[in-house]
Amino acid sequence: MPDEHRIARMYYVSGSVQGVGFRHFARRTAQILGVAGYAKNLRDGRVQVYGIGPAAKLEEFRRKLDQGPPAAAVWEVVEEAAQLLPRYGDDFSIEHEGW
C-alpha cells in the first residue's frame, strides 16, 4: 500500500486495560482491519497503541479501542497524530517495555 494513503496515530488507552488481553485484542482487531503498528503496556497502567493505515481504517480501529475486549473497562482513549515509522508498517506486534 503506498505511504501517501497511510497515516499514523498513537492511542493511549486508560482504564482497566492491563491483564485483560487488551494488547491481543488490539492486534487481532488491527489484523482484521489491515492496520499495522503495535500495542504495549505502559508503567502507568495505560496501553499504548500505535496504528498505521488509511484514515478510515484508523477511525474504525479507534472505535474498537474505545470498546476494548469484554474483560476490559476503557475509560478514555487519547488520540494523537504520529510519525509514520516504516519499521512498524507491515505487521502489528505486541511490544514489551522491558520493566
N, C-alpha and C. Protein backbone atom coordinates (compact mmCIF):
# COMPACT_ATOMS: atom_id res chain seq x y z
N MET A 1 0.85 -1.18 0.00
CA MET A 1 0.00 0.00 0.00
C MET A 1 0.90 1.25 0.00
N PRO A 2 0.67 2.19 -0.90
CA PRO A 2 1.52 3.38 -0.96
C PRO A 2 1.41 4.21 0.31
N ASP A 3 2.56 4.74 0.76
CA ASP A 3 2.59 5.51 2.00
C ASP A 3 1.72 6.76 1.95
N GLU A 4 1.49 7.33 0.76
CA GLU A 4 0.71 8.57 0.70
C GLU A 4 -0.76 8.35 1.11
N HIS A 5 -1.20 7.11 1.14
CA HIS A 5 -2.57 6.82 1.56
C HIS A 5 -2.63 6.35 3.01
N ARG A 6 -1.48 6.29 3.66
CA ARG A 6 -1.44 5.80 5.03
C ARG A 6 -0.99 6.92 5.96
N ILE A 7 -1.57 6.92 7.14
CA ILE A 7 -1.18 7.86 8.17
C ILE A 7 -0.92 7.08 9.44
N ALA A 8 -0.38 7.74 10.44
CA ALA A 8 -0.08 7.07 11.71
C ALA A 8 -0.78 7.81 12.84
N ARG A 9 -1.23 7.05 13.83
CA ARG A 9 -1.87 7.59 15.02
C ARG A 9 -1.34 6.86 16.25
N MET A 10 -1.24 7.58 17.35
CA MET A 10 -0.88 7.00 18.64
C MET A 10 -2.10 7.11 19.53
N TYR A 11 -2.43 6.03 20.18
CA TYR A 11 -3.57 5.98 21.10
C TYR A 11 -3.07 5.60 22.48
N TYR A 12 -3.55 6.30 23.49
CA TYR A 12 -3.24 5.98 24.88
C TYR A 12 -4.56 5.59 25.53
N VAL A 13 -4.66 4.32 25.89
CA VAL A 13 -5.92 3.77 26.40
C VAL A 13 -5.83 3.65 27.92
N SER A 14 -6.76 4.31 28.61
CA SER A 14 -6.80 4.29 30.08
C SER A 14 -7.99 3.48 30.56
N GLY A 15 -7.85 2.94 31.75
CA GLY A 15 -8.93 2.17 32.37
C GLY A 15 -8.38 0.88 32.93
N SER A 16 -9.24 -0.11 33.03
CA SER A 16 -8.81 -1.45 33.43
C SER A 16 -8.43 -2.17 32.14
N VAL A 17 -7.19 -1.92 31.69
CA VAL A 17 -6.78 -2.37 30.35
C VAL A 17 -5.51 -3.22 30.35
N GLN A 18 -4.92 -3.47 31.51
CA GLN A 18 -3.77 -4.36 31.58
C GLN A 18 -4.18 -5.65 32.27
N GLY A 19 -3.67 -6.76 31.77
CA GLY A 19 -4.00 -8.05 32.36
C GLY A 19 -5.36 -8.59 31.94
N VAL A 20 -5.94 -7.98 30.90
CA VAL A 20 -7.27 -8.39 30.43
C VAL A 20 -7.27 -8.75 28.94
N GLY A 21 -6.07 -8.89 28.36
CA GLY A 21 -5.98 -9.26 26.94
C GLY A 21 -6.13 -8.10 25.97
N PHE A 22 -5.94 -6.87 26.46
CA PHE A 22 -6.17 -5.71 25.59
C PHE A 22 -5.18 -5.67 24.42
N ARG A 23 -3.90 -5.95 24.67
CA ARG A 23 -2.92 -5.90 23.57
C ARG A 23 -3.24 -6.94 22.51
N HIS A 24 -3.65 -8.13 22.93
CA HIS A 24 -4.00 -9.18 21.96
C HIS A 24 -5.27 -8.80 21.20
N PHE A 25 -6.22 -8.18 21.89
CA PHE A 25 -7.42 -7.67 21.24
C PHE A 25 -7.04 -6.63 20.18
N ALA A 26 -6.13 -5.71 20.54
CA ALA A 26 -5.70 -4.68 19.59
C ALA A 26 -5.04 -5.31 18.37
N ARG A 27 -4.21 -6.34 18.59
CA ARG A 27 -3.54 -7.00 17.46
C ARG A 27 -4.55 -7.71 16.56
N ARG A 28 -5.46 -8.46 17.15
CA ARG A 28 -6.48 -9.16 16.33
C ARG A 28 -7.32 -8.15 15.54
N THR A 29 -7.74 -7.09 16.20
CA THR A 29 -8.55 -6.07 15.54
C THR A 29 -7.78 -5.42 14.41
N ALA A 30 -6.52 -5.09 14.66
CA ALA A 30 -5.69 -4.46 13.62
C ALA A 30 -5.52 -5.40 12.43
N GLN A 31 -5.29 -6.66 12.69
CA GLN A 31 -5.11 -7.61 11.59
C GLN A 31 -6.39 -7.74 10.76
N ILE A 32 -7.54 -7.73 11.40
CA ILE A 32 -8.82 -7.80 10.68
C ILE A 32 -9.01 -6.56 9.80
N LEU A 33 -8.63 -5.40 10.33
CA LEU A 33 -8.83 -4.14 9.61
C LEU A 33 -7.71 -3.81 8.63
N GLY A 34 -6.59 -4.53 8.70
CA GLY A 34 -5.45 -4.22 7.84
C GLY A 34 -4.65 -3.04 8.34
N VAL A 35 -4.60 -2.87 9.66
CA VAL A 35 -3.83 -1.79 10.29
C VAL A 35 -2.53 -2.38 10.81
N ALA A 36 -1.43 -1.68 10.60
CA ALA A 36 -0.12 -2.10 11.10
C ALA A 36 0.18 -1.31 12.37
N GLY A 37 1.24 -1.72 13.09
CA GLY A 37 1.66 -0.97 14.27
C GLY A 37 2.00 -1.88 15.43
N TYR A 38 1.69 -1.42 16.65
CA TYR A 38 2.00 -2.21 17.84
C TYR A 38 1.12 -1.79 19.01
N ALA A 39 1.11 -2.64 20.03
CA ALA A 39 0.47 -2.31 21.31
C ALA A 39 1.44 -2.70 22.41
N LYS A 40 1.51 -1.89 23.46
CA LYS A 40 2.35 -2.24 24.60
C LYS A 40 1.78 -1.62 25.87
N ASN A 41 2.04 -2.31 26.98
CA ASN A 41 1.65 -1.80 28.28
C ASN A 41 2.61 -0.71 28.71
N LEU A 42 2.09 0.31 29.38
CA LEU A 42 2.93 1.36 29.96
C LEU A 42 2.96 1.19 31.48
N ARG A 43 3.99 1.69 32.09
CA ARG A 43 4.16 1.58 33.54
C ARG A 43 3.00 2.19 34.32
N ASP A 44 2.38 3.23 33.75
CA ASP A 44 1.32 3.95 34.47
C ASP A 44 -0.05 3.26 34.38
N GLY A 45 -0.09 2.05 33.78
CA GLY A 45 -1.34 1.30 33.72
C GLY A 45 -2.10 1.46 32.42
N ARG A 46 -1.66 2.36 31.57
CA ARG A 46 -2.31 2.53 30.26
C ARG A 46 -1.73 1.54 29.25
N VAL A 47 -2.42 1.41 28.12
CA VAL A 47 -1.89 0.67 26.98
C VAL A 47 -1.65 1.68 25.87
N GLN A 48 -0.46 1.64 25.30
CA GLN A 48 -0.11 2.49 24.17
C GLN A 48 -0.32 1.68 22.90
N VAL A 49 -1.07 2.23 21.96
CA VAL A 49 -1.33 1.55 20.69
C VAL A 49 -0.93 2.49 19.57
N TYR A 50 -0.08 2.00 18.67
CA TYR A 50 0.38 2.76 17.51
C TYR A 50 -0.21 2.12 16.28
N GLY A 51 -0.88 2.90 15.45
CA GLY A 51 -1.51 2.35 14.26
C GLY A 51 -1.11 3.07 12.99
N ILE A 52 -0.93 2.31 11.93
CA ILE A 52 -0.63 2.83 10.59
C ILE A 52 -1.66 2.26 9.63
N GLY A 53 -2.28 3.14 8.86
CA GLY A 53 -3.23 2.68 7.86
C GLY A 53 -3.97 3.85 7.25
N PRO A 54 -4.91 3.56 6.36
CA PRO A 54 -5.75 4.61 5.79
C PRO A 54 -6.60 5.26 6.90
N ALA A 55 -6.90 6.53 6.74
CA ALA A 55 -7.65 7.28 7.77
C ALA A 55 -8.95 6.57 8.16
N ALA A 56 -9.69 6.06 7.20
CA ALA A 56 -10.98 5.41 7.51
C ALA A 56 -10.77 4.15 8.36
N LYS A 57 -9.72 3.39 8.07
CA LYS A 57 -9.44 2.18 8.86
C LYS A 57 -9.01 2.55 10.28
N LEU A 58 -8.24 3.62 10.41
CA LEU A 58 -7.81 4.06 11.74
C LEU A 58 -8.99 4.59 12.56
N GLU A 59 -9.95 5.21 11.90
CA GLU A 59 -11.16 5.65 12.61
C GLU A 59 -11.93 4.45 13.15
N GLU A 60 -12.04 3.41 12.34
CA GLU A 60 -12.72 2.19 12.79
C GLU A 60 -11.93 1.51 13.91
N PHE A 61 -10.61 1.50 13.77
CA PHE A 61 -9.73 0.93 14.79
C PHE A 61 -9.93 1.66 16.12
N ARG A 62 -10.00 2.98 16.06
CA ARG A 62 -10.21 3.80 17.27
C ARG A 62 -11.54 3.44 17.94
N ARG A 63 -12.59 3.26 17.15
CA ARG A 63 -13.89 2.88 17.72
C ARG A 63 -13.80 1.54 18.45
N LYS A 64 -13.05 0.61 17.89
CA LYS A 64 -12.87 -0.70 18.55
C LYS A 64 -12.05 -0.56 19.82
N LEU A 65 -11.02 0.29 19.81
CA LEU A 65 -10.22 0.51 21.01
C LEU A 65 -11.08 1.13 22.12
N ASP A 66 -12.01 1.99 21.75
CA ASP A 66 -12.93 2.59 22.73
C ASP A 66 -13.76 1.52 23.44
N GLN A 67 -14.06 0.43 22.73
CA GLN A 67 -14.85 -0.66 23.31
C GLN A 67 -13.97 -1.62 24.10
N GLY A 68 -12.86 -2.04 23.52
CA GLY A 68 -11.96 -3.00 24.16
C GLY A 68 -12.55 -4.39 24.23
N PRO A 69 -11.78 -5.33 24.74
CA PRO A 69 -12.27 -6.70 24.89
C PRO A 69 -13.25 -6.77 26.06
N PRO A 70 -14.02 -7.87 26.17
CA PRO A 70 -15.05 -7.97 27.21
C PRO A 70 -14.53 -7.78 28.64
N ALA A 71 -13.31 -8.22 28.95
CA ALA A 71 -12.81 -8.12 30.33
C ALA A 71 -12.27 -6.73 30.68
N ALA A 72 -12.13 -5.87 29.68
CA ALA A 72 -11.57 -4.53 29.92
C ALA A 72 -12.67 -3.53 30.27
N ALA A 73 -12.26 -2.45 30.90
CA ALA A 73 -13.13 -1.29 31.13
C ALA A 73 -12.36 -0.07 30.65
N VAL A 74 -12.68 0.40 29.45
CA VAL A 74 -11.98 1.54 28.87
C VAL A 74 -12.64 2.83 29.38
N TRP A 75 -11.81 3.68 29.98
CA TRP A 75 -12.31 4.96 30.49
C TRP A 75 -12.08 6.07 29.49
N GLU A 76 -10.93 6.01 28.80
CA GLU A 76 -10.57 7.09 27.88
C GLU A 76 -9.57 6.58 26.86
N VAL A 77 -9.67 7.10 25.63
CA VAL A 77 -8.66 6.87 24.61
C VAL A 77 -8.23 8.25 24.11
N VAL A 78 -6.97 8.58 24.33
CA VAL A 78 -6.41 9.83 23.84
C VAL A 78 -5.71 9.51 22.53
N GLU A 79 -6.07 10.25 21.48
CA GLU A 79 -5.52 10.01 20.14
C GLU A 79 -4.64 11.18 19.74
N GLU A 80 -3.48 10.86 19.19
CA GLU A 80 -2.55 11.89 18.73
C GLU A 80 -2.04 11.52 17.34
N ALA A 81 -1.76 12.53 16.53
CA ALA A 81 -1.08 12.29 15.26
C ALA A 81 0.31 11.75 15.59
N ALA A 82 0.82 10.89 14.74
CA ALA A 82 2.14 10.29 14.99
C ALA A 82 2.93 10.24 13.70
N GLN A 83 4.24 10.13 13.85
CA GLN A 83 5.13 9.98 12.71
C GLN A 83 4.97 8.58 12.13
N LEU A 84 4.99 8.48 10.82
CA LEU A 84 4.92 7.18 10.16
C LEU A 84 6.28 6.49 10.29
N LEU A 85 6.32 5.42 11.07
CA LEU A 85 7.56 4.68 11.31
C LEU A 85 7.58 3.43 10.44
N PRO A 86 8.39 3.42 9.38
CA PRO A 86 8.39 2.30 8.43
C PRO A 86 8.62 0.93 9.07
N ARG A 87 9.37 0.85 10.18
CA ARG A 87 9.66 -0.46 10.78
C ARG A 87 8.41 -1.14 11.32
N TYR A 88 7.33 -0.39 11.54
CA TYR A 88 6.07 -0.96 12.01
C TYR A 88 5.02 -1.02 10.90
N GLY A 89 5.41 -0.74 9.67
CA GLY A 89 4.46 -0.57 8.59
C GLY A 89 3.87 -1.82 7.97
N ASP A 90 4.40 -3.00 8.31
CA ASP A 90 3.96 -4.21 7.61
C ASP A 90 3.15 -5.18 8.45
N ASP A 91 3.17 -5.04 9.76
CA ASP A 91 2.51 -6.01 10.63
C ASP A 91 2.10 -5.31 11.91
N PHE A 92 1.40 -6.00 12.78
CA PHE A 92 1.02 -5.46 14.08
C PHE A 92 1.60 -6.37 15.15
N SER A 93 2.40 -5.79 16.04
CA SER A 93 3.10 -6.60 17.04
C SER A 93 2.71 -6.19 18.46
N ILE A 94 3.03 -7.06 19.39
CA ILE A 94 2.90 -6.75 20.81
C ILE A 94 4.31 -6.48 21.30
N GLU A 95 4.52 -5.27 21.76
CA GLU A 95 5.84 -4.85 22.23
C GLU A 95 5.90 -4.97 23.75
N HIS A 96 7.12 -5.08 24.26
CA HIS A 96 7.33 -5.19 25.70
C HIS A 96 8.29 -4.10 26.14
N GLU A 97 7.91 -3.38 27.16
CA GLU A 97 8.68 -2.23 27.64
C GLU A 97 10.00 -2.65 28.26
N GLY A 98 10.07 -3.81 28.86
CA GLY A 98 11.29 -4.27 29.46
C GLY A 98 11.43 -3.87 30.93
N TRP A 99 10.33 -3.56 31.57
CA TRP A 99 10.37 -3.24 33.00
C TRP A 99 9.73 -4.36 33.70
